[in-house]
Amino acid sequence: AALAAAQRKIAVCDGSKFTRTGLG
């Protein structure tokens, strides 16, 4: 819903998140 509401979408994360996959 946050993505749908926004004109610009920015994701933020440190490098460790690129080796992980969440359930959803």
PDB file of all heavy atoms in Angstrom:
ATOM      1  N   ALA A   1       0.832  -1.205   0.000  1.00  0.00           N
ATOM      2  CA  ALA A   1       0.000   0.000   0.000  1.00  0.00           C
ATOM      3  C   ALA A   1       0.868   1.256   0.000  1.00  0.00           C
ATOM      4  O   ALA A   1       0.525   2.257  -0.653  1.00  0.00           O
ATOM      5  CB  ALA A   1      -0.932  -0.007   1.210  1.00  0.00           C
ATOM      6  N   ALA A   2       1.978   1.219   0.717  1.00  0.00           N
ATOM      7  CA  ALA A   2       2.899   2.360   0.724  1.00  0.00           C
ATOM      8  C   ALA A   2       3.480   2.588  -0.669  1.00  0.00           C
ATOM      9  O   ALA A   2       3.580   3.732  -1.138  1.00  0.00           O
ATOM     10  CB  ALA A   2       4.016   2.119   1.736  1.00  0.00           C
ATOM     11  N   LEU A   3       3.844   1.502  -1.342  1.00  0.00           N
ATOM     12  CA  LEU A   3       4.369   1.615  -2.707  1.00  0.00           C
ATOM     13  C   LEU A   3       3.327   2.202  -3.644  1.00  0.00           C
ATOM     14  O   LEU A   3       3.623   3.069  -4.479  1.00  0.00           O
ATOM     15  CB  LEU A   3       4.807   0.239  -3.206  1.00  0.00           C
ATOM     16  CG  LEU A   3       6.085  -0.340  -2.602  1.00  0.00           C
ATOM     17  CD1 LEU A   3       6.197  -1.824  -2.912  1.00  0.00           C
ATOM     18  CD2 LEU A   3       7.316   0.402  -3.135  1.00  0.00           C
ATOM     19  N   ALA A   4       2.086   1.738  -3.518  1.00  0.00           N
ATOM     20  CA  ALA A   4       1.019   2.199  -4.406  1.00  0.00           C
ATOM     21  C   ALA A   4       0.703   3.673  -4.193  1.00  0.00           C
ATOM     22  O   ALA A   4       0.241   4.363  -5.115  1.00  0.00           O
ATOM     23  CB  ALA A   4      -0.235   1.355  -4.191  1.00  0.00           C
ATOM     24  N   ALA A   5       0.933   4.177  -2.984  1.00  0.00           N
ATOM     25  CA  ALA A   5       0.597   5.564  -2.663  1.00  0.00           C
ATOM     26  C   ALA A   5       1.663   6.563  -3.095  1.00  0.00           C
ATOM     27  O   ALA A   5       1.401   7.769  -3.129  1.00  0.00           O
ATOM     28  CB  ALA A   5       0.363   5.705  -1.156  1.00  0.00           C
ATOM     29  N   ALA A   6       2.865   6.074  -3.420  1.00  0.00           N
ATOM     30  CA  ALA A   6       4.008   6.967  -3.612  1.00  0.00           C
ATOM     31  C   ALA A   6       4.368   7.159  -5.084  1.00  0.00           C
ATOM     32  O   ALA A   6       4.335   6.219  -5.875  1.00  0.00           O
ATOM     33  CB  ALA A   6       5.212   6.430  -2.860  1.00  0.00           C
ATOM     34  N   GLN A   7       4.767   8.379  -5.404  1.00  0.00           N
ATOM     35  CA  GLN A   7       5.273   8.670  -6.746  1.00  0.00           C
ATOM     36  C   GLN A   7       6.696   8.132  -6.914  1.00  0.00           C
ATOM     37  O   GLN A   7       7.053   7.640  -7.980  1.00  0.00           O
ATOM     38  CB  GLN A   7       5.255  10.178  -6.991  1.00  0.00           C
ATOM     39  CG  GLN A   7       5.736  10.589  -8.370  1.00  0.00           C
ATOM     40  CD  GLN A   7       5.595  12.081  -8.612  1.00  0.00           C
ATOM     41  OE1 GLN A   7       4.954  12.791  -7.836  1.00  0.00           O
ATOM     42  NE2 GLN A   7       6.198  12.571  -9.678  1.00  0.00           N
ATOM     43  N   ARG A   8       7.488   8.210  -5.840  1.00  0.00           N
ATOM     44  CA  ARG A   8       8.876   7.721  -5.878  1.00  0.00           C
ATOM     45  C   ARG A   8       9.062   6.702  -4.771  1.00  0.00           C
ATOM     46  O   ARG A   8       8.654   6.927  -3.635  1.00  0.00           O
ATOM     47  CB  ARG A   8       9.851   8.888  -5.689  1.00  0.00           C
ATOM     48  CG  ARG A   8      11.312   8.472  -5.674  1.00  0.00           C
ATOM     49  CD  ARG A   8      12.259   9.649  -5.605  1.00  0.00           C
ATOM     50  NE  ARG A   8      12.023  10.503  -4.441  1.00  0.00           N
ATOM     51  CZ  ARG A   8      12.883  11.419  -3.992  1.00  0.00           C
ATOM     52  NH1 ARG A   8      14.031  11.618  -4.620  1.00  0.00           N
ATOM     53  NH2 ARG A   8      12.593  12.156  -2.930  1.00  0.00           N
ATOM     54  N   LYS A   9       9.699   5.562  -5.128  1.00  0.00           N
ATOM     55  CA  LYS A   9       9.883   4.472  -4.170  1.00  0.00           C
ATOM     56  C   LYS A   9      11.373   4.229  -3.955  1.00  0.00           C
ATOM     57  O   LYS A   9      12.092   3.883  -4.890  1.00  0.00           O
ATOM     58  CB  LYS A   9       9.239   3.181  -4.665  1.00  0.00           C
ATOM     59  CG  LYS A   9       7.729   3.252  -4.827  1.00  0.00           C
ATOM     60  CD  LYS A   9       7.320   3.601  -6.226  1.00  0.00           C
ATOM     61  CE  LYS A   9       5.816   3.409  -6.424  1.00  0.00           C
ATOM     62  NZ  LYS A   9       5.354   3.942  -7.736  1.00  0.00           N
ATOM     63  N   ILE A  10      11.808   4.390  -2.710  1.00  0.00           N
ATOM     64  CA  ILE A  10      13.212   4.207  -2.353  1.00  0.00           C
ATOM     65  C   ILE A  10      13.317   3.102  -1.312  1.00  0.00           C
ATOM     66  O   ILE A  10      12.676   3.170  -0.264  1.00  0.00           O
ATOM     67  CB  ILE A  10      13.827   5.501  -1.784  1.00  0.00           C
ATOM     68  CG1 ILE A  10      13.719   6.645  -2.796  1.00  0.00           C
ATOM     69  CG2 ILE A  10      15.281   5.269  -1.379  1.00  0.00           C
ATOM     70  CD1 ILE A  10      14.170   7.987  -2.236  1.00  0.00           C
ATOM     71  N   ALA A  11      14.112   2.081  -1.587  1.00  0.00           N
ATOM     72  CA  ALA A  11      14.394   1.040  -0.602  1.00  0.00           C
ATOM     73  C   ALA A  11      15.729   1.331   0.060  1.00  0.00           C
ATOM     74  O   ALA A  11      16.669   1.801  -0.594  1.00  0.00           O
ATOM     75  CB  ALA A  11      14.425  -0.335  -1.258  1.00  0.00           C
ATOM     76  N   VAL A  12      15.826   1.058   1.352  1.00  0.00           N
ATOM     77  CA  VAL A  12      17.065   1.306   2.092  1.00  0.00           C
ATOM     78  C   VAL A  12      17.466   0.033   2.834  1.00  0.00           C
ATOM     79  O   VAL A  12      16.637  -0.633   3.445  1.00  0.00           O
ATOM     80  CB  VAL A  12      16.906   2.480   3.085  1.00  0.00           C
ATOM     81  CG1 VAL A  12      16.688   3.779   2.341  1.00  0.00           C
ATOM     82  CG2 VAL A  12      15.752   2.248   4.057  1.00  0.00           C
ATOM     83  N   CYS A  13      18.748  -0.306   2.758  1.00  0.00           N
ATOM     84  CA  CYS A  13      19.229  -1.502   3.460  1.00  0.00           C
ATOM     85  C   CYS A  13      20.748  -1.538   3.425  1.00  0.00           C
ATOM     86  O   CYS A  13      21.372  -0.998   2.524  1.00  0.00           O
ATOM     87  CB  CYS A  13      18.672  -2.776   2.823  1.00  0.00           C
ATOM     88  SG  CYS A  13      19.191  -3.051   1.113  1.00  0.00           S
ATOM     89  N   ASP A  14      21.338  -2.207   4.419  1.00  0.00           N
ATOM     90  CA  ASP A  14      22.768  -2.467   4.375  1.00  0.00           C
ATOM     91  C   ASP A  14      23.021  -3.691   3.491  1.00  0.00           C
ATOM     92  O   ASP A  14      22.082  -4.394   3.089  1.00  0.00           O
ATOM     93  CB  ASP A  14      23.333  -2.678   5.780  1.00  0.00           C
ATOM     94  CG  ASP A  14      22.768  -3.914   6.448  1.00  0.00           C
ATOM     95  OD1 ASP A  14      23.303  -5.012   6.205  1.00  0.00           O
ATOM     96  OD2 ASP A  14      21.790  -3.797   7.206  1.00  0.00           O
ATOM     97  N   GLY A  15      24.279  -3.949   3.197  1.00  0.00           N
ATOM     98  CA  GLY A  15      24.633  -4.976   2.220  1.00  0.00           C
ATOM     99  C   GLY A  15      24.235  -6.385   2.591  1.00  0.00           C
ATOM    100  O   GLY A  15      24.086  -7.242   1.701  1.00  0.00           O
ATOM    101  N   SER A  16      24.034  -6.665   3.877  1.00  0.00           N
ATOM    102  CA  SER A  16      23.694  -8.026   4.295  1.00  0.00           C
ATOM    103  C   SER A  16      22.341  -8.479   3.771  1.00  0.00           C
ATOM    104  O   SER A  16      22.081  -9.679   3.635  1.00  0.00           O
ATOM    105  CB  SER A  16      23.712  -8.134   5.824  1.00  0.00           C
ATOM    106  OG  SER A  16      22.659  -7.368   6.393  1.00  0.00           O
ATOM    107  N   LYS A  17      21.444  -7.529   3.466  1.00  0.00           N
ATOM    108  CA  LYS A  17      20.085  -7.896   3.068  1.00  0.00           C
ATOM    109  C   LYS A  17      20.028  -8.508   1.670  1.00  0.00           C
ATOM    110  O   LYS A  17      19.033  -9.139   1.300  1.00  0.00           O
ATOM    111  CB  LYS A  17      19.179  -6.669   3.137  1.00  0.00           C
ATOM    112  CG  LYS A  17      19.123  -6.038   4.516  1.00  0.00           C
ATOM    113  CD  LYS A  17      18.618  -7.004   5.577  1.00  0.00           C
ATOM    114  CE  LYS A  17      18.704  -6.422   6.975  1.00  0.00           C
ATOM    115  NZ  LYS A  17      17.875  -5.249   7.180  1.00  0.00           N
ATOM    116  N   PHE A  18      21.105  -8.336   0.887  1.00  0.00           N
ATOM    117  CA  PHE A  18      21.113  -8.887  -0.474  1.00  0.00           C
ATOM    118  C   PHE A  18      21.388 -10.391  -0.482  1.00  0.00           C
ATOM    119  O   PHE A  18      21.268 -11.034  -1.524  1.00  0.00           O
ATOM    120  CB  PHE A  18      22.147  -8.162  -1.336  1.00  0.00           C
ATOM    121  CG  PHE A  18      21.794  -6.721  -1.595  1.00  0.00           C
ATOM    122  CD1 PHE A  18      22.226  -5.721  -0.736  1.00  0.00           C
ATOM    123  CD2 PHE A  18      21.014  -6.369  -2.680  1.00  0.00           C
ATOM    124  CE1 PHE A  18      21.895  -4.389  -0.968  1.00  0.00           C
ATOM    125  CE2 PHE A  18      20.678  -5.045  -2.920  1.00  0.00           C
ATOM    126  CZ  PHE A  18      21.120  -4.052  -2.058  1.00  0.00           C
ATOM    127  N   THR A  19      21.754 -10.939   0.661  1.00  0.00           N
ATOM    128  CA  THR A  19      21.989 -12.385   0.761  1.00  0.00           C
ATOM    129  C   THR A  19      20.842 -13.088   1.479  1.00  0.00           C
ATOM    130  O   THR A  19      20.937 -14.278   1.766  1.00  0.00           O
ATOM    131  CB  THR A  19      23.307 -12.657   1.509  1.00  0.00           C
ATOM    132  OG1 THR A  19      23.213 -12.127   2.844  1.00  0.00           O
ATOM    133  CG2 THR A  19      24.485 -12.008   0.795  1.00  0.00           C
ATOM    134  N   ARG A  20      19.759 -12.373   1.769  1.00  0.00           N
ATOM    135  CA  ARG A  20      18.648 -12.930   2.524  1.00  0.00           C
ATOM    136  C   ARG A  20      17.354 -12.844   1.725  1.00  0.00           C
ATOM    137  O   ARG A  20      17.207 -11.974   0.866  1.00  0.00           O
ATOM    138  CB  ARG A  20      18.476 -12.187   3.858  1.00  0.00           C
ATOM    139  CG  ARG A  20      19.720 -12.213   4.731  1.00  0.00           C
ATOM    140  CD  ARG A  20      19.548 -11.347   5.963  1.00  0.00           C
ATOM    141  NE  ARG A  20      20.774 -11.259   6.742  1.00  0.00           N
ATOM    142  CZ  ARG A  20      20.942 -10.482   7.806  1.00  0.00           C
ATOM    143  NH1 ARG A  20      19.937  -9.723   8.225  1.00  0.00           N
ATOM    144  NH2 ARG A  20      22.092 -10.460   8.451  1.00  0.00           N
ATOM    145  N   THR A  21      16.436 -13.724   2.036  1.00  0.00           N
ATOM    146  CA  THR A  21      15.110 -13.700   1.420  1.00  0.00           C
ATOM    147  C   THR A  21      14.067 -13.931   2.495  1.00  0.00           C
ATOM    148  O   THR A  21      14.111 -14.936   3.206  1.00  0.00           O
ATOM    149  CB  THR A  21      14.967 -14.781   0.334  1.00  0.00           C
ATOM    150  OG1 THR A  21      15.990 -14.611  -0.638  1.00  0.00           O
ATOM    151  CG2 THR A  21      13.607 -14.678  -0.351  1.00  0.00           C
ATOM    152  N   GLY A  22      13.135 -12.997   2.644  1.00  0.00           N
ATOM    153  CA  GLY A  22      12.066 -13.148   3.608  1.00  0.00           C
ATOM    154  C   GLY A  22      10.955 -14.038   3.073  1.00  0.00           C
ATOM    155  O   GLY A  22      10.905 -14.367   1.883  1.00  0.00           O
ATOM    156  N   LEU A  23      10.042 -14.408   3.951  1.00  0.00           N
ATOM    157  CA  LEU A  23       8.963 -15.319   3.588  1.00  0.00           C
ATOM    158  C   LEU A  23       7.952 -14.679   2.647  1.00  0.00           C
ATOM    159  O   LEU A  23       7.433 -15.326   1.736  1.00  0.00           O
ATOM    160  CB  LEU A  23       8.257 -15.783   4.868  1.00  0.00           C
ATOM    161  CG  LEU A  23       7.068 -16.730   4.710  1.00  0.00           C
ATOM    162  CD1 LEU A  23       7.510 -18.052   4.087  1.00  0.00           C
ATOM    163  CD2 LEU A  23       6.409 -16.976   6.063  1.00  0.00           C
ATOM    164  N   GLY A  24       7.652 -13.389   2.862  1.00  0.00           N
ATOM    165  CA  GLY A  24       6.604 -12.729   2.096  1.00  0.00           C
ATOM    166  C   GLY A  24       7.141 -11.873   0.969  1.00  0.00           C
ATOM    167  O   GLY A  24       8.016 -11.031   1.177  1.00  0.00           O
TER     168      GLY A  24
END
